[in-house]
Amino acid sequence: MHRIGRRERRARLGLRHRLAPGSAVTWAGPPGSAESPGSAGPPGVARSLVAVHSTDPSSVYLGLLGRMADGSLTAVEHALYQERTLIRLLGMRRTVFVTTLDGAALIQAACGRVVAARERRKVVGWLAAAGIGAGPAGADGWLAEVEQVALRALADRGEATAAELAAADPRLKTEIVLSAGKSYQGRQTVGSRVLFLLAAQGLAVRGRPRGSWTSHQYRWSPLSRWCPDGLADWATEDAEVELARRWLYAYGPATPADLQWWTGWTATQTRRVLTRLRPAEADLDGEPGIVLADDRAPVPEQPPWVALLPGLDSTPMGWQGRDWFLGEHGPRLFDRAGNVGPTLWCDGRIAGGWAQDPDGQIVCRFLEDVGSEAVAAAEAAAARLAAVLGPVRLTARTRGKTWLEEELAAR
């Protein structure tokens, strides 16, 4: 069994997640390189990470910029909404991600189809419980008809909010009770839920938000605005294997449990995928792991590096088992639901965190001794980030503030 220790894993993380010196993405590959256009700019970062967490909109921008040598907020927005080389979709673990168009096709086939089917069954159940769709076609037929109405309305408008779309048909304004009898019971219009389902099916896309780049109130668009011919049609099992291969290159070596957690697959599904992928076994400091069979050679030693990554960044959220890069810092840097806040990285490990104070300054706090050079590098990176943010004030969206964020904000 090939042994790959923490030092080697951290070196791979720095290099493949575009954080180590010299690994940052630029707008174009070196002269004469075989790099495709998709390996440059924001799409290049997304490709390196497989997909970028998009639950918090600001983490997309900051996560991409933190891995680019010559990026800007405008460049990220251009890739998302003008070039449309990046797309936002519902994928692994029923979570929203931003990725490249070819990555979206894989994620949709390998993860989205199952999520879409499960979520649609829920909505049909809620409709039936409310007595909606009592005709011969039932709630399922009623929902299918309304989905087509919403799709046609989106195609006619080009983009629309859920409220704007509701004007297309009174059925889209129908209210339904979600999770009746549960502590988290709620009410929602059919139109909002239909948009969610269309996104899960890869038919609608969360487009440009209302307001600033930190907003999560998106306008919706038909998929055809990003992919006129639709996403590439992958067979589900082939897509699963390719997605696992890409993840294992970017995040490996790792454990099968890490892959299962990241994808949201079942244990049976994960075993089936790994049987086809046939990775090599690896000894991860005494823990059994896996690595791609053709990816066992050591990566070059990386020079010292420091990085400030945003909350819900793809790197710390890439594994279920985080001890090898997180150590004992988890309780201070993750909220109670397991969501990571802003983190300070030093040579492939999390060494602290950061927060933005009311004046817009980025305040860093190391939780271990990293040396004066790393502290100075973090302060310089913090000043650059504050300049990028300007008057924008970050807020913790879809997660709780971490212990360290609360402490730094109090100061």
Protein backbone atom coordinates (compact mmCIF):
# COMPACT_ATOMS: atom_id res chain seq x y z
CA MET A 1 0.00 0.00 0.00
CA HIS A 2 1.38 3.41 -1.03
CA ARG A 3 1.93 5.72 1.95
CA ILE A 4 0.92 9.37 1.55
CA GLY A 5 1.35 11.41 4.72
CA ARG A 6 0.00 14.78 5.80
CA ARG A 7 2.93 16.71 4.40
CA GLU A 8 2.36 15.26 0.94
CA ARG A 9 -1.41 15.79 1.13
CA ARG A 10 -0.94 19.43 2.11
CA ALA A 11 1.51 19.97 -0.76
CA ARG A 12 -1.06 18.55 -3.20
CA LEU A 13 -3.77 20.76 -1.73
CA GLY A 14 -1.68 23.90 -2.18
CA LEU A 15 -0.79 23.04 -5.75
CA ARG A 16 -4.06 21.66 -7.05
CA HIS A 17 -6.31 24.14 -5.29
CA ARG A 18 -4.28 26.98 -6.80
CA LEU A 19 -3.09 28.38 -3.47
CA ALA A 20 0.65 27.68 -3.47
CA PRO A 21 3.03 30.23 -5.05
CA GLY A 22 3.05 30.00 -8.83
CA SER A 23 -0.11 27.89 -9.00
CA ALA A 24 -2.65 30.71 -9.30
CA VAL A 25 -4.76 30.78 -12.45
CA THR A 26 -4.16 33.48 -15.06
CA TRP A 27 -6.24 34.50 -18.04
CA ALA A 28 -4.25 32.29 -20.43
CA GLY A 29 -1.87 29.39 -20.26
CA PRO A 30 1.83 29.77 -21.05
CA PRO A 31 2.76 30.31 -24.73
CA GLY A 32 2.50 27.09 -26.68
CA SER A 33 0.73 25.27 -23.84
CA ALA A 34 -1.96 22.71 -24.47
CA GLU A 35 -4.26 24.27 -21.90
CA SER A 36 -7.80 24.69 -23.08
CA PRO A 37 -9.65 28.02 -22.83
CA GLY A 38 -11.54 26.56 -19.91
CA SER A 39 -8.32 26.34 -17.87
CA ALA A 40 -7.88 30.13 -17.83
CA GLY A 41 -9.57 32.78 -15.70
CA PRO A 42 -12.46 31.98 -13.33
CA PRO A 43 -13.41 28.79 -15.23
CA GLY A 44 -9.87 27.53 -14.66
CA VAL A 45 -10.30 27.86 -10.92
CA ALA A 46 -13.70 26.17 -10.99
CA ARG A 47 -12.23 23.32 -13.03
CA SER A 48 -9.37 22.89 -10.54
CA LEU A 49 -11.86 22.62 -7.65
CA VAL A 50 -14.40 20.58 -9.71
CA ALA A 51 -17.07 22.98 -8.44
CA VAL A 52 -17.25 26.09 -6.25
CA HIS A 53 -19.65 26.30 -3.33
CA SER A 54 -22.35 28.86 -4.08
CA THR A 55 -24.59 28.69 -1.03
CA ASP A 56 -23.13 32.07 -0.07
CA PRO A 57 -22.74 34.19 -3.24
CA SER A 58 -19.76 36.10 -1.85
CA SER A 59 -17.79 32.88 -1.36
CA VAL A 60 -17.91 32.28 -5.12
CA TYR A 61 -16.32 35.62 -5.93
CA LEU A 62 -13.78 35.56 -3.11
CA GLY A 63 -12.92 31.90 -3.60
CA LEU A 64 -12.25 32.44 -7.31
CA LEU A 65 -10.29 35.67 -6.81
CA GLY A 66 -8.16 34.11 -4.09
CA ARG A 67 -6.86 31.64 -6.65
CA MET A 68 -6.28 34.02 -9.55
CA ALA A 69 -3.14 36.01 -10.26
CA ASP A 70 -4.92 38.76 -12.18
CA GLY A 71 -8.60 38.52 -11.35
CA SER A 72 -11.25 41.04 -10.36
CA LEU A 73 -14.88 41.11 -9.28
CA THR A 74 -15.74 42.23 -12.80
CA ALA A 75 -13.94 39.23 -14.29
CA VAL A 76 -15.98 36.81 -12.19
CA GLU A 77 -19.23 38.55 -13.06
CA HIS A 78 -18.26 38.51 -16.75
CA ALA A 79 -17.67 34.74 -16.65
CA LEU A 80 -20.98 34.13 -14.87
CA TYR A 81 -23.34 36.41 -16.74
CA GLN A 82 -21.80 37.61 -20.00
CA GLU A 83 -19.49 34.92 -21.36
CA ARG A 84 -21.55 32.37 -19.39
CA THR A 85 -18.57 30.03 -19.11
CA LEU A 86 -19.63 29.38 -15.51
CA ILE A 87 -23.04 28.19 -14.45
CA ARG A 88 -24.81 27.93 -11.09
CA LEU A 89 -26.66 24.69 -10.44
CA LEU A 90 -28.05 22.42 -7.75
CA GLY A 91 -25.76 19.47 -7.28
CA MET A 92 -24.00 17.46 -4.62
CA ARG A 93 -25.83 17.13 -1.29
CA ARG A 94 -28.69 19.29 -2.64
CA THR A 95 -26.27 22.22 -2.49
CA VAL A 96 -25.84 25.03 -5.02
CA PHE A 97 -22.47 25.11 -6.83
CA VAL A 98 -20.84 27.11 -9.61
CA THR A 99 -18.89 25.15 -12.19
CA THR A 100 -17.94 24.96 -15.85
CA LEU A 101 -20.45 23.84 -18.46
CA ASP A 102 -18.85 20.44 -18.90
CA GLY A 103 -18.67 20.04 -15.13
CA ALA A 104 -22.35 20.95 -14.88
CA ALA A 105 -23.27 18.15 -17.26
CA LEU A 106 -21.43 15.64 -15.07
CA ILE A 107 -22.91 16.94 -11.83
CA GLN A 108 -26.41 16.99 -13.26
CA ALA A 109 -26.17 13.39 -14.42
CA ALA A 110 -24.26 12.04 -11.41
CA CYS A 111 -26.08 13.89 -8.62
CA GLY A 112 -28.78 16.24 -9.90
CA ARG A 113 -31.08 13.63 -11.38
CA VAL A 114 -31.49 11.83 -8.07
CA VAL A 115 -31.98 15.11 -6.19
CA ALA A 116 -34.54 16.28 -8.75
CA ALA A 117 -36.55 13.06 -8.57
CA ARG A 118 -36.57 13.08 -4.78
CA GLU A 119 -37.58 16.75 -4.54
CA ARG A 120 -40.30 16.33 -7.15
CA ARG A 121 -41.84 13.45 -5.19
CA LYS A 122 -41.99 15.75 -2.16
CA VAL A 123 -43.81 18.47 -4.06
CA VAL A 124 -46.29 15.99 -5.56
CA GLY A 125 -47.01 14.78 -2.02
CA TRP A 126 -47.57 18.30 -0.74
CA LEU A 127 -49.90 19.08 -3.66
CA ALA A 128 -51.87 15.89 -3.14
CA ALA A 129 -52.22 16.63 0.58
CA ALA A 130 -53.64 20.04 -0.31
CA GLY A 131 -56.11 18.49 -2.75
CA ILE A 132 -54.44 20.15 -5.76
CA GLY A 133 -54.55 18.23 -9.01
CA ALA A 134 -57.48 16.01 -8.20
CA GLY A 135 -58.27 15.25 -11.87
CA PRO A 136 -57.34 12.08 -13.79
CA ALA A 137 -53.71 13.15 -14.12
CA GLY A 138 -53.45 13.74 -10.38
CA ALA A 139 -50.99 16.02 -8.62
CA ASP A 140 -48.14 14.71 -10.75
CA GLY A 141 -49.84 15.68 -14.00
CA TRP A 142 -50.88 19.05 -12.59
CA LEU A 143 -47.29 19.76 -11.58
CA ALA A 144 -45.92 18.67 -14.97
CA GLU A 145 -48.28 21.08 -16.72
CA VAL A 146 -47.30 23.97 -14.44
CA GLU A 147 -43.60 23.20 -14.96
CA GLN A 148 -44.07 23.59 -18.70
CA VAL A 149 -45.95 26.86 -18.18
CA ALA A 150 -43.07 28.19 -16.10
CA LEU A 151 -40.48 27.08 -18.66
CA ARG A 152 -42.33 28.78 -21.51
CA ALA A 153 -42.68 31.95 -19.45
CA LEU A 154 -38.96 31.95 -18.71
CA ALA A 155 -38.15 31.44 -22.38
CA ASP A 156 -40.42 34.34 -23.33
CA ARG A 157 -38.94 36.70 -20.76
CA GLY A 158 -35.29 35.62 -20.92
CA GLU A 159 -35.02 36.01 -17.16
CA ALA A 160 -37.41 36.67 -14.30
CA THR A 161 -37.76 36.57 -10.54
CA ALA A 162 -40.17 34.11 -8.97
CA ALA A 163 -42.62 36.95 -8.30
CA GLU A 164 -42.45 38.16 -11.90
CA LEU A 165 -42.94 34.64 -13.22
CA ALA A 166 -46.05 34.16 -11.11
CA ALA A 167 -47.85 36.66 -13.35
CA ALA A 168 -47.69 34.13 -16.20
CA ASP A 169 -50.31 31.81 -14.70
CA PRO A 170 -52.45 32.01 -11.54
CA ARG A 171 -51.48 28.44 -10.64
CA LEU A 172 -47.94 29.63 -9.98
CA LYS A 173 -49.32 31.81 -7.15
CA THR A 174 -50.89 28.82 -5.40
CA GLU A 175 -49.60 28.39 -1.85
CA ILE A 176 -48.65 24.98 -0.51
CA VAL A 177 -47.67 23.80 2.96
CA LEU A 178 -44.19 22.32 3.14
CA SER A 179 -43.44 19.56 5.66
CA ALA A 180 -46.83 19.83 7.37
CA GLY A 181 -46.74 18.99 11.07
CA LYS A 182 -42.96 19.32 11.31
CA SER A 183 -41.18 21.87 13.48
CA TYR A 184 -39.86 23.43 10.27
CA GLN A 185 -43.25 23.57 8.52
CA GLY A 186 -43.55 26.47 6.11
CA ARG A 187 -45.54 27.89 3.22
CA GLN A 188 -44.34 28.64 -0.29
CA THR A 189 -45.86 29.48 -3.63
CA VAL A 190 -45.94 26.80 -6.29
CA GLY A 191 -43.97 29.12 -8.56
CA SER A 192 -40.99 29.28 -6.20
CA ARG A 193 -40.98 25.52 -5.77
CA VAL A 194 -41.35 24.88 -9.48
CA LEU A 195 -38.29 27.05 -10.18
CA PHE A 196 -36.35 25.01 -7.64
CA LEU A 197 -37.45 21.80 -9.37
CA LEU A 198 -36.59 23.10 -12.83
CA ALA A 199 -33.12 24.01 -11.56
CA ALA A 200 -32.69 20.55 -10.03
CA GLN A 201 -33.66 19.02 -13.39
CA GLY A 202 -31.09 21.16 -15.21
CA LEU A 203 -33.73 23.14 -17.09
CA ALA A 204 -33.50 26.53 -15.33
CA VAL A 205 -30.54 28.49 -14.03
CA ARG A 206 -30.06 30.95 -11.20
CA GLY A 207 -28.84 33.98 -13.12
CA ARG A 208 -27.79 37.49 -12.19
CA PRO A 209 -28.96 38.46 -8.70
CA ARG A 210 -31.08 41.41 -7.80
CA GLY A 211 -28.81 43.99 -6.23
CA SER A 212 -25.09 43.50 -5.66
CA TRP A 213 -22.83 40.49 -6.17
CA THR A 214 -23.37 39.48 -2.53
CA SER A 215 -27.13 39.04 -3.00
CA HIS A 216 -28.73 35.61 -3.10
CA GLN A 217 -32.03 36.79 -4.59
CA TYR A 218 -31.49 35.52 -8.10
CA ARG A 219 -33.28 36.10 -11.34
CA TRP A 220 -34.01 32.88 -13.17
CA SER A 221 -33.23 32.02 -16.78
CA PRO A 222 -33.79 29.02 -19.04
CA LEU A 223 -30.75 26.76 -19.40
CA SER A 224 -30.65 27.58 -23.12
CA ARG A 225 -29.13 31.00 -22.35
CA TRP A 226 -26.01 29.16 -21.12
CA CYS A 227 -26.25 26.05 -23.27
CA PRO A 228 -28.33 26.51 -26.44
CA ASP A 229 -28.10 22.78 -27.15
CA GLY A 230 -28.52 21.73 -23.53
CA LEU A 231 -25.98 20.08 -21.25
CA ALA A 232 -24.02 17.14 -22.59
CA ASP A 233 -26.04 13.96 -22.11
CA TRP A 234 -24.10 11.59 -19.83
CA ALA A 235 -25.28 8.17 -18.78
CA THR A 236 -25.67 8.34 -15.01
CA GLU A 237 -23.13 5.65 -14.11
CA ASP A 238 -20.52 7.00 -16.54
CA ALA A 239 -21.00 10.49 -15.11
CA GLU A 240 -20.59 9.17 -11.58
CA VAL A 241 -17.25 7.59 -12.43
CA GLU A 242 -15.94 10.69 -14.19
CA LEU A 243 -17.07 12.98 -11.38
CA ALA A 244 -15.36 10.71 -8.84
CA ARG A 245 -12.20 10.74 -10.95
CA ARG A 246 -12.13 14.54 -11.14
CA TRP A 247 -12.81 14.86 -7.43
CA LEU A 248 -10.11 12.34 -6.51
CA TYR A 249 -7.54 14.17 -8.63
CA ALA A 250 -8.40 17.51 -7.01
CA TYR A 251 -8.98 16.29 -3.45
CA GLY A 252 -7.14 12.99 -3.29
CA PRO A 253 -5.74 11.06 -1.72
CA ALA A 254 -8.81 10.77 0.44
CA THR A 255 -11.11 8.18 1.92
CA PRO A 256 -14.20 6.58 0.36
CA ALA A 257 -16.18 8.27 3.17
CA ASP A 258 -14.93 11.65 1.97
CA LEU A 259 -16.15 10.94 -1.55
CA GLN A 260 -19.51 9.69 -0.30
CA TRP A 261 -19.98 12.79 1.87
CA TRP A 262 -18.93 15.27 -0.84
CA THR A 263 -21.22 13.76 -3.49
CA GLY A 264 -24.11 12.91 -1.20
CA TRP A 265 -24.17 9.38 -2.61
CA THR A 266 -25.20 6.30 -0.66
CA ALA A 267 -22.58 3.83 0.55
CA THR A 268 -23.76 1.31 -2.05
CA GLN A 269 -23.54 3.87 -4.83
CA THR A 270 -20.05 4.92 -3.74
CA ARG A 271 -18.81 1.33 -3.68
CA ARG A 272 -20.22 0.74 -7.16
CA VAL A 273 -18.47 3.83 -8.53
CA LEU A 274 -15.14 2.91 -6.94
CA THR A 275 -15.40 -0.63 -8.32
CA ARG A 276 -15.49 0.88 -11.82
CA LEU A 277 -12.92 3.58 -11.13
CA ARG A 278 -10.43 1.15 -9.54
CA PRO A 279 -8.33 3.60 -7.52
CA ALA A 280 -5.18 2.45 -5.75
CA GLU A 281 -5.12 1.94 -2.00
CA ALA A 282 -3.18 4.46 0.07
CA ASP A 283 -2.00 4.61 3.67
CA LEU A 284 -2.98 8.05 4.98
CA ASP A 285 -0.94 8.07 8.18
CA GLY A 286 -2.50 4.83 9.31
CA GLU A 287 -5.95 5.48 7.84
CA PRO A 288 -6.94 3.49 4.73
CA GLY A 289 -7.49 5.76 1.75
CA ILE A 290 -7.63 5.83 -2.03
CA VAL A 291 -5.75 7.65 -4.77
CA LEU A 292 -6.01 7.52 -8.55
CA ALA A 293 -3.90 4.64 -9.81
CA ASP A 294 -1.91 6.93 -12.13
CA ASP A 295 -1.50 9.70 -9.53
CA ARG A 296 0.79 8.21 -6.91
CA ALA A 297 3.97 10.14 -7.72
CA PRO A 298 4.92 12.79 -5.11
CA VAL A 299 4.21 16.40 -6.05
CA PRO A 300 7.06 18.92 -5.80
CA GLU A 301 7.71 20.51 -2.41
CA GLN A 302 5.81 23.80 -2.27
CA PRO A 303 7.32 27.10 -1.07
CA PRO A 304 5.69 28.62 2.05
CA TRP A 305 2.30 30.17 1.42
CA VAL A 306 -0.57 31.89 3.20
CA ALA A 307 -4.16 32.30 1.97
CA LEU A 308 -7.37 33.87 3.23
CA LEU A 309 -10.34 31.77 2.14
CA PRO A 310 -13.99 32.82 2.57
CA GLY A 311 -16.67 31.06 4.54
CA LEU A 312 -18.07 27.95 2.86
CA ASP A 313 -15.05 27.78 0.57
CA SER A 314 -14.71 24.65 -1.54
CA THR A 315 -11.35 23.61 -0.10
CA PRO A 316 -12.26 23.10 3.58
CA MET A 317 -15.68 21.78 2.50
CA GLY A 318 -14.07 19.21 0.22
CA TRP A 319 -13.63 16.43 2.78
CA GLN A 320 -15.61 14.93 5.62
CA GLY A 321 -12.43 14.00 7.51
CA ARG A 322 -10.50 17.24 8.09
CA ASP A 323 -8.07 16.47 10.91
CA TRP A 324 -5.05 16.41 8.58
CA PHE A 325 -5.46 20.11 7.71
CA LEU A 326 -7.70 21.43 10.50
CA GLY A 327 -6.24 19.98 13.69
CA GLU A 328 -8.04 21.16 16.83
CA HIS A 329 -9.33 24.42 15.39
CA GLY A 330 -12.73 23.16 14.22
CA PRO A 331 -14.86 24.40 17.15
CA ARG A 332 -13.62 27.97 16.61
CA LEU A 333 -13.92 28.03 12.82
CA PHE A 334 -17.04 25.95 12.03
CA ASP A 335 -20.61 26.71 13.08
CA ARG A 336 -22.78 24.17 14.87
CA ALA A 337 -24.15 22.83 11.60
CA GLY A 338 -20.67 22.01 10.28
CA ASN A 339 -20.32 25.03 7.99
CA VAL A 340 -16.88 26.61 7.82
CA GLY A 341 -16.34 30.34 8.33
CA PRO A 342 -13.49 32.44 6.90
CA THR A 343 -10.17 30.64 7.35
CA LEU A 344 -6.46 31.48 7.36
CA TRP A 345 -4.30 28.88 5.65
CA CYS A 346 -0.59 28.38 6.08
CA ASP A 347 1.29 25.76 4.02
CA GLY A 348 -1.67 23.48 3.47
CA ARG A 349 -3.28 23.65 6.90
CA ILE A 350 -5.81 25.90 8.60
CA ALA A 351 -3.95 28.00 11.15
CA GLY A 352 -6.58 30.63 12.03
CA GLY A 353 -9.45 32.72 10.77
CA TRP A 354 -10.43 36.21 9.77
CA ALA A 355 -13.38 38.57 9.79
CA GLN A 356 -14.34 41.97 8.45
CA ASP A 357 -14.81 44.67 11.07
CA PRO A 358 -17.47 47.43 10.81
CA ASP A 359 -14.94 49.76 9.18
CA GLY A 360 -14.30 47.25 6.39
CA GLN A 361 -10.86 46.17 7.58
CA ILE A 362 -9.95 42.49 7.46
CA VAL A 363 -8.86 41.32 10.91
CA CYS A 364 -6.81 38.11 11.08
CA ARG A 365 -6.28 35.82 14.05
CA PHE A 366 -3.81 32.95 14.02
CA LEU A 367 -4.59 30.15 16.45
CA GLU A 368 -1.04 28.79 16.42
CA ASP A 369 2.48 30.10 16.01
CA VAL A 370 3.24 30.41 12.28
CA GLY A 371 6.20 32.79 12.40
CA SER A 372 6.54 36.47 11.61
CA GLU A 373 6.85 36.02 7.84
CA ALA A 374 3.51 34.19 7.61
CA VAL A 375 1.86 36.83 9.80
CA ALA A 376 3.18 39.60 7.54
CA ALA A 377 1.98 37.72 4.44
CA ALA A 378 -1.49 37.35 5.97
CA GLU A 379 -1.66 41.05 6.80
CA ALA A 380 -0.69 41.95 3.24
CA ALA A 381 -3.35 39.58 1.87
CA ALA A 382 -5.90 41.08 4.26
CA ALA A 383 -5.14 44.58 3.01
CA ARG A 384 -5.58 43.45 -0.61
CA LEU A 385 -8.91 41.80 0.23
CA ALA A 386 -10.16 44.92 2.01
CA ALA A 387 -9.29 46.95 -1.08
CA VAL A 388 -11.25 44.53 -3.30
CA LEU A 389 -14.29 44.70 -1.03
CA GLY A 390 -14.26 48.48 -0.70
CA PRO A 391 -17.59 49.58 0.81
CA VAL A 392 -19.07 46.06 0.71
CA ARG A 393 -19.71 44.49 4.12
CA LEU A 394 -19.80 40.71 4.23
CA THR A 395 -22.48 38.87 6.17
CA ALA A 396 -22.74 35.20 7.09
CA ARG A 397 -25.40 33.82 4.75
CA THR A 398 -26.94 30.34 5.09
CA ARG A 399 -24.62 29.62 8.02
CA GLY A 400 -24.06 30.82 11.56
CA LYS A 401 -21.21 33.04 12.61
CA THR A 402 -18.29 31.11 14.02
CA TRP A 403 -16.84 31.59 17.48
CA LEU A 404 -13.83 33.38 16.04
CA GLU A 405 -15.94 35.68 13.86
CA GLU A 406 -17.97 36.70 16.89
CA GLU A 407 -14.84 37.41 18.90
CA LEU A 408 -13.17 39.44 16.15
CA ALA A 409 -16.38 41.40 15.52
CA ALA A 410 -16.63 42.21 19.24
CA ARG A 411 -13.16 43.67 19.15
